[in-house]
Amino acid sequence: MENKSPFLDTLFLLRKEGTMTIFADIQEISKKEEEDSATYFESEFEKERLNFLSDEIPFNKDAAIWAGKVLYHSAQLYLIRKDTAKDVNKLIPRFESRKDVSAVLSADLSLRFLPQIRDALHVADAADPVVKILDEILAQFHYSAIGSDVYPEKIIWEEGLKDKTYRKLYLERVVDKKAYKLAEIPYINQLLTAEFGMYKDVFWRDLQVVTTESEEPKSGDINSTA
């Protein structure tokens, strides 16, 4: 697919090379660009499905497009702030649809890069209202925030991780990112310990094994597709 717009250029370059271009101004994203990005995201989702070991989780087009726009606009707002204050909530809207596993994994195609942008904005100005908005998004889509300083709130882990595919992917990312704070939550710690078995020191030698529950479960809002 040829890159035909700043929006698509940003998505392609970031996912392909891990770099991002900041353009001179923030342009409106056309419907055609949204549709082109959806086609691209769906192809990327199908590639990543190989790691799911499941064909039961569908691609969520709306979540993928929403997340792509959030990522693009957040990156542009790092440098372009003139006359943008009144449009921030429009540029970075909340996700209004049902947040199930399909939405979480589809949005993650873009949101996995959002913590780096959030951190850059925070360093530049900790009081930046955009940082607060991104924190709220990452707390909601916490799979994409694993390994960052943004901590998920209001979670009943047994409910939130009841989908076996999502649970597998969540635990794998916790291990990959060495997310100690999450890994020491009793429920997640028990899952990891069970997965590691006698090979715990091979996978994560420094991880403390939690033997007693030190906190009460918290209520959450993620729904499983299972």
C-alpha atoms as a PDB file:
ATOM      1  CA  MET A   1       0.000   0.000   0.000  1.00  0.00           C
ATOM      2  CA  GLU A   2       1.414   3.410  -0.925  1.00  0.00           C
ATOM      3  CA  ASN A   3       1.642   6.078   1.739  1.00  0.00           C
ATOM      4  CA  LYS A   4      -0.609   8.915   0.624  1.00  0.00           C
ATOM      5  CA  SER A   5      -1.059  11.063   3.721  1.00  0.00           C
ATOM      6  CA  PRO A   6       0.655  12.255   6.896  1.00  0.00           C
ATOM      7  CA  PHE A   7      -1.685   9.983   8.877  1.00  0.00           C
ATOM      8  CA  LEU A   8      -0.827   6.834   6.930  1.00  0.00           C
ATOM      9  CA  ASP A   9       2.858   7.790   6.705  1.00  0.00           C
ATOM     10  CA  THR A  10       2.972   8.012  10.491  1.00  0.00           C
ATOM     11  CA  LEU A  11       1.334   4.628  11.048  1.00  0.00           C
ATOM     12  CA  PHE A  12       3.427   2.797   8.443  1.00  0.00           C
ATOM     13  CA  LEU A  13       6.755   4.271   9.542  1.00  0.00           C
ATOM     14  CA  LEU A  14       6.126   3.732  13.225  1.00  0.00           C
ATOM     15  CA  ARG A  15       5.109   0.096  12.883  1.00  0.00           C
ATOM     16  CA  LYS A  16       7.769  -0.707  10.289  1.00  0.00           C
ATOM     17  CA  GLU A  17      10.789   1.134  11.665  1.00  0.00           C
ATOM     18  CA  GLY A  18       9.785   2.393  15.114  1.00  0.00           C
ATOM     19  CA  THR A  19      10.243   6.024  14.062  1.00  0.00           C
ATOM     20  CA  MET A  20       7.804   8.856  13.616  1.00  0.00           C
ATOM     21  CA  THR A  21       7.585  12.020  11.527  1.00  0.00           C
ATOM     22  CA  ILE A  22       6.122  15.212  12.994  1.00  0.00           C
ATOM     23  CA  PHE A  23       4.448  17.275  10.277  1.00  0.00           C
ATOM     24  CA  ALA A  24       4.104  21.049  10.082  1.00  0.00           C
ATOM     25  CA  ASP A  25       0.442  21.090  10.964  1.00  0.00           C
ATOM     26  CA  ILE A  26      -2.371  18.796  12.046  1.00  0.00           C
ATOM     27  CA  GLN A  27      -4.527  17.934   9.070  1.00  0.00           C
ATOM     28  CA  GLU A  28      -7.998  16.490   9.167  1.00  0.00           C
ATOM     29  CA  ILE A  29      -8.084  12.765   8.489  1.00  0.00           C
ATOM     30  CA  SER A  30     -10.363  11.912   5.593  1.00  0.00           C
ATOM     31  CA  LYS A  31     -12.758   8.984   5.434  1.00  0.00           C
ATOM     32  CA  LYS A  32     -10.627   7.440   2.692  1.00  0.00           C
ATOM     33  CA  GLU A  33      -7.572   7.641   4.931  1.00  0.00           C
ATOM     34  CA  GLU A  34      -9.544   5.949   7.701  1.00  0.00           C
ATOM     35  CA  GLU A  35     -10.603   3.165   5.358  1.00  0.00           C
ATOM     36  CA  ASP A  36      -7.065   2.731   4.044  1.00  0.00           C
ATOM     37  CA  SER A  37      -5.739   2.558   7.597  1.00  0.00           C
ATOM     38  CA  ALA A  38      -8.403  -0.029   8.482  1.00  0.00           C
ATOM     39  CA  THR A  39      -7.244  -2.208   5.584  1.00  0.00           C
ATOM     40  CA  TYR A  40      -3.657  -1.891   6.756  1.00  0.00           C
ATOM     41  CA  PHE A  41      -4.511  -2.588  10.400  1.00  0.00           C
ATOM     42  CA  GLU A  42      -6.556  -5.636   9.493  1.00  0.00           C
ATOM     43  CA  SER A  43      -3.629  -7.104   7.565  1.00  0.00           C
ATOM     44  CA  GLU A  44      -1.345  -6.446  10.549  1.00  0.00           C
ATOM     45  CA  PHE A  45      -3.901  -7.971  12.909  1.00  0.00           C
ATOM     46  CA  GLU A  46      -4.012 -11.136  10.820  1.00  0.00           C
ATOM     47  CA  LYS A  47      -0.212 -11.389  10.983  1.00  0.00           C
ATOM     48  CA  GLU A  48      -0.277 -11.054  14.757  1.00  0.00           C
ATOM     49  CA  ARG A  49      -3.093 -13.570  15.023  1.00  0.00           C
ATOM     50  CA  LEU A  50      -0.406 -16.231  14.517  1.00  0.00           C
ATOM     51  CA  ASN A  51       0.632 -15.500  18.111  1.00  0.00           C
ATOM     52  CA  PHE A  52      -2.935 -15.753  19.415  1.00  0.00           C
ATOM     53  CA  LEU A  53      -3.228 -19.500  18.792  1.00  0.00           C
ATOM     54  CA  SER A  54      -6.914 -18.736  18.255  1.00  0.00           C
ATOM     55  CA  ASP A  55      -9.066 -17.682  15.322  1.00  0.00           C
ATOM     56  CA  GLU A  56     -12.018 -16.741  17.511  1.00  0.00           C
ATOM     57  CA  ILE A  57     -11.077 -13.108  18.168  1.00  0.00           C
ATOM     58  CA  PRO A  58     -12.229 -10.882  15.290  1.00  0.00           C
ATOM     59  CA  PHE A  59     -10.597  -7.682  14.103  1.00  0.00           C
ATOM     60  CA  ASN A  60     -12.345  -4.582  15.466  1.00  0.00           C
ATOM     61  CA  LYS A  61     -12.181  -1.956  12.733  1.00  0.00           C
ATOM     62  CA  ASP A  62     -13.569   0.919  14.821  1.00  0.00           C
ATOM     63  CA  ALA A  63     -11.140   0.328  17.682  1.00  0.00           C
ATOM     64  CA  ALA A  64      -8.167   0.115  15.321  1.00  0.00           C
ATOM     65  CA  ILE A  65      -9.049   3.364  13.519  1.00  0.00           C
ATOM     66  CA  TRP A  66      -9.757   5.171  16.806  1.00  0.00           C
ATOM     67  CA  ALA A  67      -6.420   4.083  18.276  1.00  0.00           C
ATOM     68  CA  GLY A  68      -4.533   5.043  15.121  1.00  0.00           C
ATOM     69  CA  LYS A  69      -6.003   8.539  15.267  1.00  0.00           C
ATOM     70  CA  VAL A  70      -5.225   8.846  18.988  1.00  0.00           C
ATOM     71  CA  LEU A  71      -1.614   7.865  18.339  1.00  0.00           C
ATOM     72  CA  TYR A  72      -1.210  10.187  15.353  1.00  0.00           C
ATOM     73  CA  HIS A  73      -2.764  13.219  17.019  1.00  0.00           C
ATOM     74  CA  SER A  74      -0.883  12.653  20.274  1.00  0.00           C
ATOM     75  CA  ALA A  75       2.404  12.590  18.402  1.00  0.00           C
ATOM     76  CA  GLN A  76       1.598  15.736  16.472  1.00  0.00           C
ATOM     77  CA  LEU A  77       0.567  17.530  19.666  1.00  0.00           C
ATOM     78  CA  TYR A  78       4.046  16.948  21.052  1.00  0.00           C
ATOM     79  CA  LEU A  79       5.278  19.826  18.880  1.00  0.00           C
ATOM     80  CA  ILE A  80       2.201  21.464  17.388  1.00  0.00           C
ATOM     81  CA  ARG A  81       0.203  23.239  20.102  1.00  0.00           C
ATOM     82  CA  LYS A  82      -0.767  26.575  18.581  1.00  0.00           C
ATOM     83  CA  ASP A  83      -4.561  26.984  18.584  1.00  0.00           C
ATOM     84  CA  THR A  84      -5.113  23.340  19.576  1.00  0.00           C
ATOM     85  CA  ALA A  85      -6.343  23.691  23.184  1.00  0.00           C
ATOM     86  CA  LYS A  86      -9.990  23.925  22.180  1.00  0.00           C
ATOM     87  CA  ASP A  87      -9.719  20.847  19.946  1.00  0.00           C
ATOM     88  CA  VAL A  88      -7.836  18.430  22.228  1.00  0.00           C
ATOM     89  CA  ASN A  89     -10.900  16.383  23.171  1.00  0.00           C
ATOM     90  CA  LYS A  90     -11.857  16.181  19.510  1.00  0.00           C
ATOM     91  CA  LEU A  91      -8.361  15.168  18.433  1.00  0.00           C
ATOM     92  CA  ILE A  92      -8.016  12.574  21.226  1.00  0.00           C
ATOM     93  CA  PRO A  93     -11.547  11.333  21.938  1.00  0.00           C
ATOM     94  CA  ARG A  94     -12.523   8.647  24.413  1.00  0.00           C
ATOM     95  CA  PHE A  95     -13.417   5.216  23.102  1.00  0.00           C
ATOM     96  CA  GLU A  96     -17.204   5.067  23.150  1.00  0.00           C
ATOM     97  CA  SER A  97     -17.834   1.540  21.887  1.00  0.00           C
ATOM     98  CA  ARG A  98     -17.787  -1.749  23.795  1.00  0.00           C
ATOM     99  CA  LYS A  99     -14.312  -2.515  25.113  1.00  0.00           C
ATOM    100  CA  ASP A 100     -13.993  -6.268  24.694  1.00  0.00           C
ATOM    101  CA  VAL A 101     -10.920  -8.372  23.926  1.00  0.00           C
ATOM    102  CA  SER A 102     -11.316  -7.790  20.193  1.00  0.00           C
ATOM    103  CA  ALA A 103     -11.267  -4.007  20.727  1.00  0.00           C
ATOM    104  CA  VAL A 104      -8.287  -4.195  23.088  1.00  0.00           C
ATOM    105  CA  LEU A 105      -6.132  -6.237  20.722  1.00  0.00           C
ATOM    106  CA  SER A 106      -7.135  -4.227  17.646  1.00  0.00           C
ATOM    107  CA  ALA A 107      -6.416  -0.925  19.394  1.00  0.00           C
ATOM    108  CA  ASP A 108      -3.086  -2.271  20.637  1.00  0.00           C
ATOM    109  CA  LEU A 109      -1.727  -2.208  17.082  1.00  0.00           C
ATOM    110  CA  SER A 110      -1.293   1.540  17.717  1.00  0.00           C
ATOM    111  CA  LEU A 111      -1.661   2.038  21.465  1.00  0.00           C
ATOM    112  CA  ARG A 112       1.443  -0.054  22.253  1.00  0.00           C
ATOM    113  CA  PHE A 113       3.431   2.966  21.036  1.00  0.00           C
ATOM    114  CA  LEU A 114       1.433   5.500  23.058  1.00  0.00           C
ATOM    115  CA  PRO A 115       3.342   5.221  26.393  1.00  0.00           C
ATOM    116  CA  GLN A 116       6.500   6.595  24.739  1.00  0.00           C
ATOM    117  CA  ILE A 117       4.616   9.613  23.441  1.00  0.00           C
ATOM    118  CA  ARG A 118       2.912  10.064  26.814  1.00  0.00           C
ATOM    119  CA  ASP A 119       6.300  10.034  28.553  1.00  0.00           C
ATOM    120  CA  ALA A 120       7.758  12.592  26.135  1.00  0.00           C
ATOM    121  CA  LEU A 121       4.800  14.901  26.716  1.00  0.00           C
ATOM    122  CA  HIS A 122       5.126  14.417  30.493  1.00  0.00           C
ATOM    123  CA  VAL A 123       8.820  15.325  30.448  1.00  0.00           C
ATOM    124  CA  ALA A 124       8.051  18.447  28.435  1.00  0.00           C
ATOM    125  CA  ASP A 125       5.208  19.516  30.767  1.00  0.00           C
ATOM    126  CA  ALA A 126       3.880  17.312  33.564  1.00  0.00           C
ATOM    127  CA  ALA A 127       0.790  19.524  33.816  1.00  0.00           C
ATOM    128  CA  ASP A 128      -0.096  19.138  30.128  1.00  0.00           C
ATOM    129  CA  PRO A 129      -3.800  18.192  29.924  1.00  0.00           C
ATOM    130  CA  VAL A 130      -2.971  15.852  27.033  1.00  0.00           C
ATOM    131  CA  VAL A 131      -0.925  13.731  29.460  1.00  0.00           C
ATOM    132  CA  LYS A 132      -3.972  13.281  31.686  1.00  0.00           C
ATOM    133  CA  ILE A 133      -6.096  12.210  28.704  1.00  0.00           C
ATOM    134  CA  LEU A 134      -3.471   9.698  27.576  1.00  0.00           C
ATOM    135  CA  ASP A 135      -3.149   8.347  31.116  1.00  0.00           C
ATOM    136  CA  GLU A 136      -6.886   7.704  31.168  1.00  0.00           C
ATOM    137  CA  ILE A 137      -6.776   5.936  27.814  1.00  0.00           C
ATOM    138  CA  LEU A 138      -3.814   3.777  28.822  1.00  0.00           C
ATOM    139  CA  ALA A 139      -5.375   2.931  32.172  1.00  0.00           C
ATOM    140  CA  GLN A 140      -8.455   1.753  30.268  1.00  0.00           C
ATOM    141  CA  PHE A 141      -6.476  -0.099  27.574  1.00  0.00           C
ATOM    142  CA  HIS A 142      -3.900  -1.309  30.065  1.00  0.00           C
ATOM    143  CA  TYR A 143      -2.663  -4.186  27.884  1.00  0.00           C
ATOM    144  CA  SER A 144      -0.939  -1.519  25.777  1.00  0.00           C
ATOM    145  CA  ALA A 145       0.511   0.157  28.891  1.00  0.00           C
ATOM    146  CA  ILE A 146       2.259  -2.919  30.322  1.00  0.00           C
ATOM    147  CA  GLY A 147       5.804  -1.945  31.267  1.00  0.00           C
ATOM    148  CA  SER A 148       5.004   1.770  31.507  1.00  0.00           C
ATOM    149  CA  ASP A 149       4.393   3.969  34.541  1.00  0.00           C
ATOM    150  CA  VAL A 150       0.662   3.988  33.856  1.00  0.00           C
ATOM    151  CA  TYR A 151      -1.064   1.527  36.149  1.00  0.00           C
ATOM    152  CA  PRO A 152      -4.492  -0.003  35.425  1.00  0.00           C
ATOM    153  CA  GLU A 153      -7.197   0.837  37.902  1.00  0.00           C
ATOM    154  CA  LYS A 154     -10.456  -0.799  38.949  1.00  0.00           C
ATOM    155  CA  ILE A 155      -9.667  -4.298  37.783  1.00  0.00           C
ATOM    156  CA  ILE A 156     -11.098  -7.626  38.875  1.00  0.00           C
ATOM    157  CA  TRP A 157      -8.259  -9.647  37.407  1.00  0.00           C
ATOM    158  CA  GLU A 158     -10.094 -12.955  37.419  1.00  0.00           C
ATOM    159  CA  GLU A 159     -12.799 -11.353  35.268  1.00  0.00           C
ATOM    160  CA  GLY A 160     -10.525  -9.220  33.130  1.00  0.00           C
ATOM    161  CA  LEU A 161      -8.249 -12.131  32.221  1.00  0.00           C
ATOM    162  CA  LYS A 162     -10.846 -14.853  31.902  1.00  0.00           C
ATOM    163  CA  ASP A 163     -10.442 -15.088  28.123  1.00  0.00           C
ATOM    164  CA  LYS A 164      -7.669 -17.674  27.761  1.00  0.00           C
ATOM    165  CA  THR A 165      -6.147 -16.105  24.656  1.00  0.00           C
ATOM    166  CA  TYR A 166      -6.067 -12.622  26.129  1.00  0.00           C
ATOM    167  CA  ARG A 167      -4.707 -14.028  29.417  1.00  0.00           C
ATOM    168  CA  LYS A 168      -1.870 -15.761  27.539  1.00  0.00           C
ATOM    169  CA  LEU A 169      -0.968 -12.585  25.641  1.00  0.00           C
ATOM    170  CA  TYR A 170      -1.214 -10.438  28.770  1.00  0.00           C
ATOM    171  CA  LEU A 171       1.103 -12.690  30.769  1.00  0.00           C
ATOM    172  CA  GLU A 172       3.574 -12.926  27.889  1.00  0.00           C
ATOM    173  CA  ARG A 173       3.802  -9.139  27.684  1.00  0.00           C
ATOM    174  CA  VAL A 174       4.210  -8.821  31.455  1.00  0.00           C
ATOM    175  CA  VAL A 175       7.181 -11.190  31.209  1.00  0.00           C
ATOM    176  CA  ASP A 176       8.588  -9.580  28.059  1.00  0.00           C
ATOM    177  CA  LYS A 177       8.430  -6.086  29.591  1.00  0.00           C
ATOM    178  CA  LYS A 178       9.539  -7.330  33.033  1.00  0.00           C
ATOM    179  CA  ALA A 179       6.592  -5.430  34.509  1.00  0.00           C
ATOM    180  CA  TYR A 180       7.340  -6.106  38.177  1.00  0.00           C
ATOM    181  CA  LYS A 181       4.473  -4.064  39.575  1.00  0.00           C
ATOM    182  CA  LEU A 182       1.931  -6.093  37.626  1.00  0.00           C
ATOM    183  CA  ALA A 183       3.752  -9.385  38.118  1.00  0.00           C
ATOM    184  CA  GLU A 184       3.590  -9.002  41.892  1.00  0.00           C
ATOM    185  CA  ILE A 185      -0.195  -8.631  41.941  1.00  0.00           C
ATOM    186  CA  PRO A 186      -1.238 -11.880  43.697  1.00  0.00           C
ATOM    187  CA  TYR A 187      -3.522 -13.206  40.950  1.00  0.00           C
ATOM    188  CA  ILE A 188      -1.082 -12.469  38.120  1.00  0.00           C
ATOM    189  CA  ASN A 189       1.815 -13.738  40.211  1.00  0.00           C
ATOM    190  CA  GLN A 190       0.013 -17.035  40.756  1.00  0.00           C
ATOM    191  CA  LEU A 191      -0.666 -17.380  37.033  1.00  0.00           C
ATOM    192  CA  LEU A 192       2.950 -16.684  36.162  1.00  0.00           C
ATOM    193  CA  THR A 193       4.250 -19.061  38.805  1.00  0.00           C
ATOM    194  CA  ALA A 194       1.990 -21.800  37.476  1.00  0.00           C
ATOM    195  CA  GLU A 195       3.143 -21.160  33.906  1.00  0.00           C
ATOM    196  CA  PHE A 196       6.831 -21.126  34.851  1.00  0.00           C
ATOM    197  CA  GLY A 197       6.638 -24.227  37.025  1.00  0.00           C
ATOM    198  CA  MET A 198      10.057 -25.538  37.933  1.00  0.00           C
ATOM    199  CA  TYR A 199      11.640 -23.291  35.290  1.00  0.00           C
ATOM    200  CA  LYS A 200      10.789 -19.992  37.003  1.00  0.00           C
ATOM    201  CA  ASP A 201      14.426 -18.985  37.428  1.00  0.00           C
ATOM    202  CA  VAL A 202      15.003 -19.549  33.733  1.00  0.00           C
ATOM    203  CA  PHE A 203      12.169 -17.229  32.708  1.00  0.00           C
ATOM    204  CA  TRP A 204      12.365 -14.631  35.489  1.00  0.00           C
ATOM    205  CA  ARG A 205      14.861 -15.274  38.270  1.00  0.00           C
ATOM    206  CA  ASP A 206      14.295 -11.946  40.064  1.00  0.00           C
ATOM    207  CA  LEU A 207      10.521 -12.211  40.280  1.00  0.00           C
ATOM    208  CA  GLN A 208       9.284 -12.475  43.844  1.00  0.00           C
ATOM    209  CA  VAL A 209       6.750 -15.229  44.476  1.00  0.00           C
ATOM    210  CA  VAL A 210       3.761 -13.782  46.318  1.00  0.00           C
ATOM    211  CA  THR A 211       2.371 -16.240  48.845  1.00  0.00           C
ATOM    212  CA  THR A 212      -0.382 -14.130  50.437  1.00  0.00           C
ATOM    213  CA  GLU A 213      -2.866 -11.682  48.980  1.00  0.00           C
ATOM    214  CA  SER A 214      -1.837  -8.206  49.991  1.00  0.00           C
ATOM    215  CA  GLU A 215      -4.627  -6.259  48.333  1.00  0.00           C
ATOM    216  CA  GLU A 216      -8.331  -6.481  47.710  1.00  0.00           C
ATOM    217  CA  PRO A 217      -9.587  -7.128  44.168  1.00  0.00           C
ATOM    218  CA  LYS A 218     -10.694  -4.012  42.351  1.00  0.00           C
ATOM    219  CA  SER A 219     -13.693  -3.673  40.098  1.00  0.00           C
ATOM    220  CA  GLY A 220     -13.077  -3.297  36.375  1.00  0.00           C
ATOM    221  CA  ASP A 221     -14.746  -2.665  33.042  1.00  0.00           C
ATOM    222  CA  ILE A 222     -13.156  -4.988  30.507  1.00  0.00           C
ATOM    223  CA  ASN A 223     -15.471  -7.634  29.125  1.00  0.00           C
ATOM    224  CA  SER A 224     -14.321 -10.920  27.632  1.00  0.00           C
ATOM    225  CA  THR A 225     -15.481 -12.142  24.244  1.00  0.00           C
ATOM    226  CA  ALA A 226     -15.390 -15.680  25.585  1.00  0.00           C
END
